[in-house]
Each structure stands twice: as structure tokens, then as C-alpha cells.
């Protein structure tokens, strides 16, 4: 692909990531509204950690609007953390779909950043020729 096509692809992926991130933040808010914040008590540490990581992942998605790489890495890391906490605490992956949406939007932000770096790199190489 040419540099212009790479740039358009990166821009399209960026906007898809942004739209999916809006849905992911809505999903996090919805999960908190429906289930509430976890109460303290026996066995609640895992739910508190999962809720914390979901919130940090949503903040990462907000960061992704300005800094795709940093926001994407934060969101994907939080998705993995939610899965690890749930797996360790219950022996099962979480049934909730919010962590997957947060991680999916994070992957899209990372892909957007990679495409933009590739397009920029390709443009610099062509300008030297």
C-alpha cells in the first residue's frame, strides 16, 4: 500500500477504536449500575480488584483518544488483569462481557498506533529516495 492508503487505514481504525471505546466505557458504567460496587466482606477482594481494573481500563480508553499506544496498552493490560484475578479467585473466567469490550477497544487503539507508525515510517523512507 502507499503511504496515503496506510494513513487512511490508520485513521479509519482510529475512529473505529474511538467508537468501540465509547461502547466499552458505557459497558463499564452499565456493569457498575447493575451490579453496584462490591461490598467488603469475605470473597469480595476479587470483585473489588476486577472493578478497579475495569475502571482503570476505561481511563486507558479515554487516554487512547489522545495517545493510542498508551491507552491501548493500559486497556489491554487491565482486561488481562481482570481475567487473571477472576481465574485465580474463582477458577473460571468472568462471565461479564465488559472486560472483553475494553480489551477489544484497546487492541484497536494499539493497531491504530502501529498503522500510523508504519505510515509515518514509510513516508520518511520515500522522502529520502
Protein backbone atom coordinates (compact mmCIF):
# COMPACT_ATOMS: atom_id res chain seq x y z
CA UNK A 1 0.00 0.00 0.00
CA UNK A 2 1.05 3.58 -0.48
CA UNK A 3 1.67 5.95 2.39
CA UNK A 4 -1.66 7.70 1.77
CA UNK A 5 -3.57 4.41 1.85
CA UNK A 6 -1.78 3.39 5.05
CA UNK A 7 -2.68 6.74 6.57
CA UNK A 8 -6.36 6.36 5.63
CA UNK A 9 -6.43 2.84 7.06
CA UNK A 10 -4.85 4.05 10.29
CA UNK A 11 -7.35 6.89 10.51
CA UNK A 12 -10.27 4.51 9.93
CA UNK A 13 -9.00 2.10 12.60
CA UNK A 14 -8.50 5.03 14.99
CA UNK A 15 -12.13 6.11 14.62
CA UNK A 16 -13.43 2.56 14.93
CA UNK A 17 -11.36 2.25 18.13
CA UNK A 18 -12.80 5.51 19.42
CA UNK A 19 -16.38 4.43 18.72
CA UNK A 20 -15.83 1.00 20.29
CA UNK A 21 -14.21 2.71 23.30
CA UNK A 22 -17.39 4.73 23.83
CA UNK A 23 -19.34 1.47 23.92
CA UNK A 24 -16.77 -0.04 26.29
CA UNK A 25 -16.99 2.88 28.72
CA UNK A 26 -20.78 2.57 28.58
CA UNK A 27 -20.42 -1.16 29.33
CA UNK A 28 -18.28 -0.43 32.41
CA UNK A 29 -20.80 2.14 33.65
CA UNK A 30 -23.64 -0.31 32.97
CA UNK A 31 -21.92 -3.12 34.91
CA UNK A 32 -21.42 -0.81 37.89
CA UNK A 33 -25.02 0.43 37.72
CA UNK A 34 -26.47 -3.07 37.51
CA UNK A 35 -24.19 -4.85 39.98
CA UNK A 36 -23.12 -1.90 42.10
CA UNK A 37 -19.80 -1.56 43.78
CA UNK A 38 -18.69 -4.67 45.65
CA UNK A 39 -19.27 -4.72 49.39
CA UNK A 40 -16.44 -5.51 51.72
CA UNK A 41 -16.53 -8.95 53.19
CA UNK A 42 -15.26 -12.44 52.59
CA UNK A 43 -14.51 -13.15 48.96
CA UNK A 44 -15.05 -9.56 47.87
CA UNK A 45 -11.38 -8.78 47.24
CA UNK A 46 -11.55 -10.30 43.77
CA UNK A 47 -14.64 -8.27 42.83
CA UNK A 48 -13.05 -5.10 44.17
CA UNK A 49 -9.92 -5.73 42.08
CA UNK A 50 -11.98 -6.56 38.98
CA UNK A 51 -13.99 -3.35 39.39
CA UNK A 52 -10.78 -1.37 39.91
CA UNK A 53 -9.17 -2.80 36.77
CA UNK A 54 -12.33 -2.15 34.73
CA UNK A 55 -12.26 1.49 35.81
CA UNK A 56 -8.56 1.84 35.01
CA UNK A 57 -9.20 0.19 31.63
CA UNK A 58 -11.93 2.76 30.92
CA UNK A 59 -9.48 5.54 31.83
CA UNK A 60 -7.00 3.91 29.44
CA UNK A 61 -9.60 4.09 26.67
CA UNK A 62 -10.06 7.79 27.38
CA UNK A 63 -6.28 8.19 27.11
CA UNK A 64 -6.43 6.32 23.81
CA UNK A 65 -8.25 9.22 22.19
CA UNK A 66 -5.06 11.28 22.53
CA UNK A 67 -2.33 8.64 22.89
CA UNK A 68 -3.41 5.46 21.11
CA UNK A 69 -0.46 3.33 22.21
CA UNK A 70 -0.54 4.20 25.90
CA UNK A 71 -4.32 3.98 26.14
CA UNK A 72 -4.46 0.68 24.25
CA UNK A 73 -1.75 -0.93 26.35
CA UNK A 74 -3.48 0.24 29.54
CA UNK A 75 -6.85 -1.14 28.44
CA UNK A 76 -5.48 -4.50 27.28
CA UNK A 77 -3.40 -4.86 30.46
CA UNK A 78 -6.49 -4.21 32.58
CA UNK A 79 -8.50 -6.78 30.60
CA UNK A 80 -5.79 -9.37 31.24
CA UNK A 81 -5.70 -8.38 34.92
CA UNK A 82 -9.47 -8.87 35.27
CA UNK A 83 -9.20 -12.31 33.69
CA UNK A 84 -6.25 -13.31 35.90
CA UNK A 85 -7.97 -12.10 39.10
CA UNK A 86 -11.16 -13.96 38.19
CA UNK A 87 -9.28 -17.12 37.24
CA UNK A 88 -7.27 -17.11 40.47
CA UNK A 89 -10.25 -16.26 42.70
CA UNK A 90 -12.93 -18.50 41.18
CA UNK A 91 -11.14 -20.86 38.82
CA UNK A 92 -13.24 -19.51 35.93
CA UNK A 93 -13.03 -16.64 33.51
CA UNK A 94 -15.52 -13.84 34.16
CA UNK A 95 -18.92 -14.20 32.55
CA UNK A 96 -19.18 -10.43 32.10
CA UNK A 97 -18.63 -9.05 28.63
CA UNK A 98 -17.30 -5.63 29.70
CA UNK A 99 -13.64 -6.73 30.06
CA UNK A 100 -13.69 -8.15 26.54
CA UNK A 101 -15.05 -4.94 25.07
CA UNK A 102 -12.48 -2.86 26.96
CA UNK A 103 -9.69 -5.13 25.73
CA UNK A 104 -11.04 -5.16 22.17
CA UNK A 105 -11.07 -1.37 22.00
CA UNK A 106 -7.56 -1.38 23.47
CA UNK A 107 -6.36 -3.76 20.75
CA UNK A 108 -7.85 -1.44 18.14
CA UNK A 109 -6.00 1.55 19.63
CA UNK A 110 -2.75 -0.43 19.53
CA UNK A 111 -3.41 -1.41 15.91
CA UNK A 112 -4.16 2.22 15.05
CA UNK A 113 -0.88 3.33 16.61
CA UNK A 114 1.05 0.63 14.74
CA UNK A 115 -0.53 1.59 11.41
CA UNK A 116 0.23 5.27 11.98
CA UNK A 117 3.85 4.48 12.84
CA UNK A 118 4.17 2.34 9.71
CA UNK A 119 2.65 5.07 7.52
CA UNK A 120 4.96 7.71 9.02
CA UNK A 121 7.98 5.46 8.63
CA UNK A 122 7.07 4.70 5.00
CA UNK A 123 6.68 8.41 4.25
CA UNK A 124 10.13 9.17 5.71
CA UNK A 125 11.73 6.43 3.65
CA UNK A 126 10.11 7.67 0.43
CA UNK A 127 11.15 11.27 1.10
CA UNK A 128 14.80 10.19 1.32
CA UNK A 129 14.71 8.43 -2.07
